Amino acid sequence: MPDQDSKRAAHQALVDRVRTGEGTTSPQQRACAFDNAGVPAPVDVLVDKVATSPTQVTDADFAAARAAGYTDDQVFELVVAAAVGQSARMYAAGLAALAEAARKAD
């Protein structure tokens, strides 16, 4: 089983790759999707839904992004960035909660 340091390193490598790796979207676009902030319309609706209410994503959300000129590859990258960004926020919150619980137990 991997130790905590290797898990955190793997997580950070994923975050770095999603935010700054090569892609059809710019690192700035992926960073905005990752942060769920500053994403231009209409893809902002899709990114926000992926991050906050993924069961509400519809075909119309993807169609709006494509109609705005985004390719399927670009939409995919932004959706992945949004999902990984939300996951990273939840991971950080979980680690903070564990650290707080451990602090209180001492």
C-alpha atoms as a PDB file:
ATOM      1  CA  MET A   1       0.000   0.000   0.000  1.00  0.00           C
ATOM      2  CA  PRO A   2       1.417   3.446  -0.892  1.00  0.00           C
ATOM      3  CA  ASP A   3       2.361   5.729   1.973  1.00  0.00           C
ATOM      4  CA  GLN A   4       0.766   9.138   2.516  1.00  0.00           C
ATOM      5  CA  ASP A   5       3.663  11.014   0.914  1.00  0.00           C
ATOM      6  CA  SER A   6       3.452   9.005  -2.305  1.00  0.00           C
ATOM      7  CA  LYS A   7      -0.333   9.459  -2.404  1.00  0.00           C
ATOM      8  CA  ARG A   8       0.034  13.206  -2.014  1.00  0.00           C
ATOM      9  CA  ALA A   9       2.784  13.272  -4.642  1.00  0.00           C
ATOM     10  CA  ALA A  10       0.569  11.362  -7.082  1.00  0.00           C
ATOM     11  CA  HIS A  11      -2.309  13.728  -6.365  1.00  0.00           C
ATOM     12  CA  GLN A  12      -0.091  16.759  -6.933  1.00  0.00           C
ATOM     13  CA  ALA A  13       1.240  15.279 -10.182  1.00  0.00           C
ATOM     14  CA  LEU A  14      -2.347  14.861 -11.410  1.00  0.00           C
ATOM     15  CA  VAL A  15      -3.241  18.438 -10.454  1.00  0.00           C
ATOM     16  CA  ASP A  16      -0.111  19.799 -12.144  1.00  0.00           C
ATOM     17  CA  ARG A  17      -0.765  17.808 -15.325  1.00  0.00           C
ATOM     18  CA  VAL A  18      -4.383  18.917 -15.553  1.00  0.00           C
ATOM     19  CA  ARG A  19      -3.584  22.567 -14.885  1.00  0.00           C
ATOM     20  CA  THR A  20      -0.375  23.056 -16.852  1.00  0.00           C
ATOM     21  CA  GLY A  21       0.250  20.058 -19.104  1.00  0.00           C
ATOM     22  CA  GLU A  22      -0.030  20.052 -22.867  1.00  0.00           C
ATOM     23  CA  GLY A  23      -3.513  20.184 -24.267  1.00  0.00           C
ATOM     24  CA  THR A  24      -5.817  21.703 -26.823  1.00  0.00           C
ATOM     25  CA  THR A  25      -6.923  24.287 -24.264  1.00  0.00           C
ATOM     26  CA  SER A  26      -4.509  26.727 -22.694  1.00  0.00           C
ATOM     27  CA  PRO A  27      -3.210  26.213 -19.162  1.00  0.00           C
ATOM     28  CA  GLN A  28      -5.108  29.393 -18.232  1.00  0.00           C
ATOM     29  CA  GLN A  29      -8.397  27.956 -19.529  1.00  0.00           C
ATOM     30  CA  ARG A  30      -7.828  24.708 -17.638  1.00  0.00           C
ATOM     31  CA  ALA A  31      -6.840  26.586 -14.482  1.00  0.00           C
ATOM     32  CA  CYS A  32     -10.087  28.568 -14.659  1.00  0.00           C
ATOM     33  CA  ALA A  33     -12.092  25.360 -15.092  1.00  0.00           C
ATOM     34  CA  PHE A  34     -10.101  23.718 -12.278  1.00  0.00           C
ATOM     35  CA  ASP A  35     -10.872  26.666  -9.978  1.00  0.00           C
ATOM     36  CA  ASN A  36     -14.457  27.015 -11.298  1.00  0.00           C
ATOM     37  CA  ALA A  37     -13.819  30.734 -11.625  1.00  0.00           C
ATOM     38  CA  GLY A  38     -13.404  33.060 -14.574  1.00  0.00           C
ATOM     39  CA  VAL A  39     -14.690  30.574 -17.129  1.00  0.00           C
ATOM     40  CA  PRO A  40     -16.263  32.359 -20.110  1.00  0.00           C
ATOM     41  CA  ALA A  41     -19.898  31.840 -21.082  1.00  0.00           C
ATOM     42  CA  PRO A  42     -21.421  29.547 -22.179  1.00  0.00           C
ATOM     43  CA  VAL A  43     -18.935  26.886 -21.071  1.00  0.00           C
ATOM     44  CA  ASP A  44     -19.087  28.315 -17.535  1.00  0.00           C
ATOM     45  CA  VAL A  45     -22.466  26.622 -17.054  1.00  0.00           C
ATOM     46  CA  LEU A  46     -21.037  23.227 -18.012  1.00  0.00           C
ATOM     47  CA  VAL A  47     -17.946  23.664 -15.834  1.00  0.00           C
ATOM     48  CA  ASP A  48     -20.008  24.783 -12.845  1.00  0.00           C
ATOM     49  CA  LYS A  49     -22.396  21.863 -13.202  1.00  0.00           C
ATOM     50  CA  VAL A  50     -19.516  19.396 -13.432  1.00  0.00           C
ATOM     51  CA  ALA A  51     -17.996  20.860 -10.266  1.00  0.00           C
ATOM     52  CA  THR A  52     -21.119  21.374  -8.178  1.00  0.00           C
ATOM     53  CA  SER A  53     -23.952  19.224  -9.510  1.00  0.00           C
ATOM     54  CA  PRO A  54     -22.660  16.716 -12.064  1.00  0.00           C
ATOM     55  CA  THR A  55     -25.933  14.809 -12.247  1.00  0.00           C
ATOM     56  CA  GLN A  56     -27.480  17.960 -13.729  1.00  0.00           C
ATOM     57  CA  VAL A  57     -25.168  18.064 -16.785  1.00  0.00           C
ATOM     58  CA  THR A  58     -27.169  17.691 -19.991  1.00  0.00           C
ATOM     59  CA  ASP A  59     -26.479  17.199 -23.664  1.00  0.00           C
ATOM     60  CA  ALA A  60     -27.547  20.832 -24.108  1.00  0.00           C
ATOM     61  CA  ASP A  61     -24.616  21.949 -21.926  1.00  0.00           C
ATOM     62  CA  PHE A  62     -22.197  20.170 -24.246  1.00  0.00           C
ATOM     63  CA  ALA A  63     -24.020  21.469 -27.317  1.00  0.00           C
ATOM     64  CA  ALA A  64     -23.750  25.060 -26.029  1.00  0.00           C
ATOM     65  CA  ALA A  65     -19.999  24.672 -25.592  1.00  0.00           C
ATOM     66  CA  ARG A  66     -19.617  23.235 -29.091  1.00  0.00           C
ATOM     67  CA  ALA A  67     -21.846  25.980 -30.541  1.00  0.00           C
ATOM     68  CA  ALA A  68     -19.521  28.531 -28.937  1.00  0.00           C
ATOM     69  CA  GLY A  69     -16.650  27.055 -30.937  1.00  0.00           C
ATOM     70  CA  TYR A  70     -15.121  24.610 -28.477  1.00  0.00           C
ATOM     71  CA  THR A  71     -13.988  21.308 -29.968  1.00  0.00           C
ATOM     72  CA  ASP A  72     -14.823  17.983 -28.372  1.00  0.00           C
ATOM     73  CA  ASP A  73     -11.207  17.731 -27.154  1.00  0.00           C
ATOM     74  CA  GLN A  74     -11.381  21.184 -25.577  1.00  0.00           C
ATOM     75  CA  VAL A  75     -14.693  20.411 -23.876  1.00  0.00           C
ATOM     76  CA  PHE A  76     -13.258  17.132 -22.574  1.00  0.00           C
ATOM     77  CA  GLU A  77     -10.203  18.892 -21.124  1.00  0.00           C
ATOM     78  CA  LEU A  78     -12.317  21.545 -19.415  1.00  0.00           C
ATOM     79  CA  VAL A  79     -14.683  18.943 -17.969  1.00  0.00           C
ATOM     80  CA  VAL A  80     -11.763  16.906 -16.633  1.00  0.00           C
ATOM     81  CA  ALA A  81     -10.182  20.057 -15.170  1.00  0.00           C
ATOM     82  CA  ALA A  82     -13.467  20.966 -13.469  1.00  0.00           C
ATOM     83  CA  ALA A  83     -13.901  17.478 -12.028  1.00  0.00           C
ATOM     84  CA  VAL A  84     -10.315  17.215 -10.821  1.00  0.00           C
ATOM     85  CA  GLY A  85     -10.521  20.722  -9.368  1.00  0.00           C
ATOM     86  CA  GLN A  86     -13.614  19.850  -7.344  1.00  0.00           C
ATOM     87  CA  SER A  87     -12.007  16.594  -6.271  1.00  0.00           C
ATOM     88  CA  ALA A  88      -8.881  18.470  -5.180  1.00  0.00           C
ATOM     89  CA  ARG A  89     -10.961  20.869  -3.082  1.00  0.00           C
ATOM     90  CA  MET A  90     -12.749  17.956  -1.432  1.00  0.00           C
ATOM     91  CA  TYR A  91      -9.428  16.156  -0.830  1.00  0.00           C
ATOM     92  CA  ALA A  92      -7.956  19.265   0.789  1.00  0.00           C
ATOM     93  CA  ALA A  93     -11.052  19.686   2.969  1.00  0.00           C
ATOM     94  CA  GLY A  94     -10.830  16.048   4.043  1.00  0.00           C
ATOM     95  CA  LEU A  95      -7.166  16.367   4.945  1.00  0.00           C
ATOM     96  CA  ALA A  96      -7.900  19.542   6.905  1.00  0.00           C
ATOM     97  CA  ALA A  97     -10.710  17.799   8.800  1.00  0.00           C
ATOM     98  CA  LEU A  98      -8.443  14.875   9.646  1.00  0.00           C
ATOM     99  CA  ALA A  99      -5.687  17.219  10.821  1.00  0.00           C
ATOM    100  CA  GLU A 100      -8.177  19.119  12.987  1.00  0.00           C
ATOM    101  CA  ALA A 101      -9.514  15.901  14.501  1.00  0.00           C
ATOM    102  CA  ALA A 102      -5.986  14.702  15.232  1.00  0.00           C
ATOM    103  CA  ARG A 103      -5.123  18.059  16.799  1.00  0.00           C
ATOM    104  CA  LYS A 104      -8.188  17.899  19.035  1.00  0.00           C
ATOM    105  CA  ALA A 105      -7.381  14.311  20.036  1.00  0.00           C
ATOM    106  CA  ASP A 106      -3.936  15.350  21.310  1.00  0.00           C
END
